[in-house]
Amino acid sequence: MEKIKNTSMVNKYIQQYNIKKFFNGDIPTYLELILFKKGEHICKEGEETNYLLFFVRGKAKVYTTLKNGKNMLVCFYSPLELIGEVEIIKLVPAISSIQAIEDCYCIGISTKITKENLMKDINFLLLICESLGNKLERLSKNSSINLSYPLENRLASFIIASKTLMEIEDRKIVVFNENLTEVSELLGTSYRHLLRSLKTLCEKSIIKKREAYYEIIDYNALLCISSDLYK
């Protein structure tokens, strides 16, 4: 986590997502721009949260840890998301873990300031209600997906959500470069079953196995298989 002292970047994101509409009156002066590097946790389940965050740039995966110690995918985050509102309302530690898939920027407000200044702001409270409603709807949908869809569909959706760009020999390619042990756990399947599904996608010439990653060859076919499942 790194605090970025750049007023122009803060203002850019405020204008891009019209963040001022979420507050009754002027934009608060206590907004901070925070960078989370690829692979870094924005928050960890069970740990105290110090900020309410507007997720304004990047991609992140959200997962929860089950009683048996395994992790289960909940959803993916892309802008604009609110992070930490459940914890502020319920006064509890983080209820899930959020990890950056790529470098992510958030506009943060310390939880102390949020509690002292914003819990009577009607616009801000409406934002929290809308965010909680959206997350409840998404959680219900994604829970059904995990139970109803074959692994190939869920894997394709996971690949699309976690894809990254890589530059090789002066050309940019789209790749899937996640830890497969972690992916199998997040998708609730065995490592062997995951490898079989990846092999099937390779045989269909949708992805191609390289030494340390998979290159996405036919994005449209992958998108068709994914059915845009995880959001």
Protein backbone atom coordinates (compact mmCIF):
# COMPACT_ATOMS: atom_id res chain seq x y z
CA MET A 1 0.00 0.00 0.00
CA GLU A 2 1.42 3.34 -1.05
CA LYS A 3 -0.13 6.77 -0.59
CA ILE A 4 0.22 8.88 -3.73
CA LYS A 5 0.55 12.63 -3.22
CA ASN A 6 -0.89 13.76 -6.53
CA THR A 7 -3.82 16.17 -6.41
CA SER A 8 -4.32 16.19 -10.17
CA MET A 9 -4.74 12.38 -10.23
CA VAL A 10 -7.25 12.56 -7.38
CA ASN A 11 -9.22 15.23 -9.22
CA LYS A 12 -9.08 13.20 -12.43
CA TYR A 13 -10.73 10.18 -10.79
CA ILE A 14 -13.24 12.38 -8.95
CA GLN A 15 -14.35 13.85 -12.28
CA GLN A 16 -14.18 10.56 -14.20
CA TYR A 17 -16.58 8.80 -11.81
CA ASN A 18 -18.46 11.88 -10.62
CA ILE A 19 -17.55 11.01 -7.04
CA LYS A 20 -18.74 14.41 -5.81
CA LYS A 21 -22.35 13.26 -6.22
CA PHE A 22 -21.84 10.83 -3.33
CA PHE A 23 -21.41 13.66 -0.84
CA ASN A 24 -23.80 16.35 0.33
CA GLY A 25 -21.83 19.50 -0.32
CA ASP A 26 -18.25 20.03 -1.36
CA ILE A 27 -15.84 17.18 -2.02
CA PRO A 28 -14.14 16.31 1.26
CA THR A 29 -10.55 17.51 1.59
CA TYR A 30 -9.53 14.29 3.32
CA LEU A 31 -9.67 12.04 0.23
CA GLU A 32 -6.40 10.14 -0.32
CA LEU A 33 -5.09 8.34 -3.41
CA ILE A 34 -3.73 4.88 -2.58
CA LEU A 35 -1.84 2.46 -4.82
CA PHE A 36 -1.95 -1.32 -4.33
CA LYS A 37 0.66 -3.17 -6.38
CA LYS A 38 -0.12 -6.31 -8.38
CA GLY A 39 -0.41 -9.28 -6.01
CA GLU A 40 -0.87 -7.07 -2.95
CA HIS A 41 -3.91 -7.46 -0.73
CA ILE A 42 -6.23 -4.48 -0.52
CA CYS A 43 -7.69 -6.11 2.56
CA LYS A 44 -7.47 -9.49 4.25
CA GLU A 45 -10.32 -11.41 5.82
CA GLY A 46 -10.38 -11.03 9.59
CA GLU A 47 -8.11 -7.99 9.67
CA GLU A 48 -9.16 -4.49 10.69
CA THR A 49 -9.86 -2.05 7.85
CA ASN A 50 -8.51 1.47 8.12
CA TYR A 51 -10.08 2.94 5.01
CA LEU A 52 -13.30 3.12 3.08
CA LEU A 53 -12.16 2.86 -0.53
CA PHE A 54 -13.45 3.93 -3.92
CA PHE A 55 -11.89 1.40 -6.31
CA VAL A 56 -11.10 3.61 -9.33
CA ARG A 57 -8.51 1.74 -11.42
CA GLY A 58 -7.36 -1.83 -11.95
CA LYS A 59 -8.72 -5.34 -11.37
CA ALA A 60 -8.94 -7.36 -8.18
CA LYS A 61 -10.28 -10.73 -7.09
CA VAL A 62 -12.43 -11.20 -4.03
CA TYR A 63 -12.38 -14.46 -2.12
CA THR A 64 -13.39 -15.88 1.22
CA THR A 65 -11.74 -18.54 3.36
CA LEU A 66 -13.87 -21.55 4.31
CA LYS A 67 -13.69 -23.39 7.63
CA ASN A 68 -11.63 -26.15 6.00
CA GLY A 69 -8.95 -23.57 5.18
CA LYS A 70 -9.64 -23.44 1.43
CA ASN A 71 -10.34 -20.23 -0.45
CA MET A 72 -13.45 -19.75 -2.58
CA LEU A 73 -13.85 -17.12 -5.30
CA VAL A 74 -16.59 -14.58 -4.63
CA CYS A 75 -16.25 -12.17 -7.56
CA PHE A 76 -13.95 -9.76 -9.35
CA TYR A 77 -13.76 -6.00 -8.87
CA SER A 78 -13.31 -3.34 -11.52
CA PRO A 79 -14.10 0.39 -11.27
CA LEU A 80 -16.22 1.76 -9.75
CA GLU A 81 -16.58 -0.27 -6.54
CA LEU A 82 -16.94 0.70 -2.91
CA ILE A 83 -14.79 -1.33 -0.51
CA GLY A 84 -15.28 -1.41 3.25
CA GLU A 85 -18.88 -0.29 3.63
CA VAL A 86 -20.03 -3.57 5.21
CA GLU A 87 -17.27 -3.34 7.81
CA ILE A 88 -18.19 0.26 8.67
CA ILE A 89 -21.89 -0.53 9.07
CA LYS A 90 -21.39 -3.74 11.06
CA LEU A 91 -18.25 -2.57 12.92
CA VAL A 92 -16.44 -5.80 12.08
CA PRO A 93 -13.05 -6.74 10.54
CA ALA A 94 -12.86 -7.43 6.80
CA ILE A 95 -15.37 -10.14 5.84
CA SER A 96 -13.43 -11.23 2.73
CA SER A 97 -10.01 -10.86 1.12
CA ILE A 98 -9.39 -8.64 -1.91
CA GLN A 99 -6.17 -9.08 -3.91
CA ALA A 100 -4.95 -6.89 -6.77
CA ILE A 101 -4.64 -8.72 -10.11
CA GLU A 102 -2.85 -5.69 -11.53
CA ASP A 103 -1.76 -2.36 -10.07
CA CYS A 104 -4.87 -0.81 -8.52
CA TYR A 105 -5.68 2.73 -7.44
CA CYS A 106 -8.24 3.59 -4.79
CA ILE A 107 -9.47 6.87 -3.35
CA GLY A 108 -9.61 6.33 0.39
CA ILE A 109 -11.24 7.93 3.40
CA SER A 110 -10.06 6.81 6.82
CA THR A 111 -12.73 4.87 8.72
CA LYS A 112 -12.34 7.26 11.64
CA ILE A 113 -13.21 10.26 9.46
CA THR A 114 -16.03 8.31 7.79
CA LYS A 115 -17.67 7.55 11.12
CA GLU A 116 -17.24 11.10 12.41
CA ASN A 117 -18.28 13.04 9.31
CA LEU A 118 -20.27 10.96 6.83
CA MET A 119 -22.69 8.69 8.66
CA LYS A 120 -25.35 11.42 8.64
CA ASP A 121 -24.74 12.43 5.00
CA ILE A 122 -27.85 11.23 3.12
CA ASN A 123 -26.06 11.06 -0.26
CA PHE A 124 -23.28 8.98 1.23
CA LEU A 125 -25.72 6.64 2.98
CA LEU A 126 -27.64 6.16 -0.28
CA LEU A 127 -24.34 5.18 -1.94
CA ILE A 128 -23.75 2.57 0.77
CA CYS A 129 -27.28 1.17 0.34
CA GLU A 130 -26.85 0.92 -3.44
CA SER A 131 -23.43 -0.73 -3.08
CA LEU A 132 -24.72 -3.29 -0.57
CA GLY A 133 -27.68 -4.09 -2.81
CA ASN A 134 -25.44 -4.62 -5.83
CA LYS A 135 -23.10 -6.88 -3.87
CA LEU A 136 -25.98 -8.96 -2.52
CA GLU A 137 -27.33 -9.45 -6.05
CA ARG A 138 -23.88 -10.38 -7.39
CA LEU A 139 -23.19 -12.76 -4.52
CA SER A 140 -26.46 -14.58 -5.15
CA LYS A 141 -25.69 -14.91 -8.87
CA ASN A 142 -22.10 -16.05 -8.39
CA SER A 143 -23.09 -18.61 -5.76
CA SER A 144 -25.51 -20.11 -8.29
CA ILE A 145 -22.76 -20.11 -10.94
CA ASN A 146 -20.39 -22.07 -8.69
CA LEU A 147 -23.06 -24.72 -8.19
CA SER A 148 -24.58 -24.89 -11.67
CA TYR A 149 -21.94 -24.24 -14.35
CA PRO A 150 -19.28 -26.73 -15.53
CA LEU A 151 -15.66 -25.93 -14.76
CA GLU A 152 -14.85 -25.05 -18.38
CA ASN A 153 -17.34 -22.17 -18.33
CA ARG A 154 -16.19 -20.90 -14.95
CA LEU A 155 -12.53 -21.24 -15.91
CA ALA A 156 -13.07 -19.28 -19.14
CA SER A 157 -14.75 -16.51 -17.17
CA PHE A 158 -11.93 -16.54 -14.62
CA ILE A 159 -9.32 -16.28 -17.39
CA ILE A 160 -11.10 -13.29 -18.93
CA ALA A 161 -11.47 -11.53 -15.59
CA SER A 162 -7.81 -12.07 -14.62
CA LYS A 163 -6.13 -11.65 -18.02
CA THR A 164 -3.17 -9.31 -18.31
CA LEU A 165 -1.07 -7.79 -21.08
CA MET A 166 2.52 -8.92 -21.64
CA GLU A 167 5.06 -7.43 -24.02
CA ILE A 168 7.23 -9.96 -25.86
CA GLU A 169 9.58 -9.08 -28.71
CA ASP A 170 7.99 -5.67 -29.24
CA ARG A 171 4.45 -7.04 -29.38
CA LYS A 172 1.75 -7.14 -26.74
CA ILE A 173 -0.13 -10.35 -26.04
CA VAL A 174 -2.99 -11.19 -23.70
CA VAL A 175 -2.04 -13.84 -21.16
CA PHE A 176 -3.38 -15.87 -18.27
CA ASN A 177 -0.64 -16.04 -15.67
CA GLU A 178 -2.21 -17.01 -12.35
CA ASN A 179 -1.02 -19.56 -9.80
CA LEU A 180 -2.90 -22.71 -10.88
CA THR A 181 -2.96 -24.21 -7.40
CA GLU A 182 -4.69 -21.08 -6.14
CA VAL A 183 -7.04 -21.01 -9.14
CA SER A 184 -8.16 -24.61 -8.57
CA GLU A 185 -8.91 -23.75 -4.95
CA LEU A 186 -10.78 -20.56 -5.82
CA LEU A 187 -12.92 -22.42 -8.38
CA GLY A 188 -13.61 -25.29 -5.99
CA THR A 189 -12.02 -28.00 -8.13
CA SER A 190 -9.01 -30.28 -8.09
CA TYR A 191 -5.69 -29.28 -9.62
CA ARG A 192 -5.91 -32.25 -11.99
CA HIS A 193 -9.40 -31.29 -13.18
CA LEU A 194 -8.20 -27.73 -13.77
CA LEU A 195 -5.30 -28.97 -15.91
CA ARG A 196 -7.70 -31.10 -17.96
CA SER A 197 -9.91 -28.08 -18.61
CA LEU A 198 -6.93 -25.96 -19.62
CA LYS A 199 -5.80 -28.73 -21.94
CA THR A 200 -9.26 -28.80 -23.54
CA LEU A 201 -9.09 -25.06 -24.20
CA CYS A 202 -5.65 -25.57 -25.74
CA GLU A 203 -6.95 -28.38 -27.98
CA LYS A 204 -9.69 -26.01 -29.20
CA SER A 205 -6.97 -23.46 -30.06
CA ILE A 206 -8.53 -20.94 -27.69
CA ILE A 207 -5.43 -20.63 -25.51
CA LYS A 208 -1.85 -21.79 -25.99
CA LYS A 209 0.49 -23.11 -23.32
CA ARG A 210 3.77 -21.28 -23.07
CA GLU A 211 6.60 -21.97 -20.64
CA ALA A 212 5.25 -20.03 -17.68
CA TYR A 213 1.82 -18.81 -18.81
CA TYR A 214 -1.07 -19.34 -21.22
CA GLU A 215 -1.51 -17.02 -24.19
CA ILE A 216 -5.08 -16.22 -25.19
CA ILE A 217 -5.37 -16.99 -28.90
CA ASP A 218 -9.11 -16.74 -29.59
CA TYR A 219 -10.60 -14.19 -27.21
CA ASN A 220 -14.07 -14.25 -28.80
CA ALA A 221 -14.34 -18.02 -28.40
CA LEU A 222 -13.22 -17.72 -24.77
CA LEU A 223 -15.79 -14.99 -24.19
CA CYS A 224 -18.51 -17.19 -25.68
CA ILE A 225 -17.63 -20.08 -23.36
CA SER A 226 -17.43 -17.82 -20.32
CA SER A 227 -20.98 -16.46 -20.79
CA ASP A 228 -19.71 -13.41 -18.85
CA LEU A 229 -20.26 -15.34 -15.63
CA TYR A 230 -18.17 -13.67 -12.95
CA LYS A 231 -18.64 -9.96 -12.45
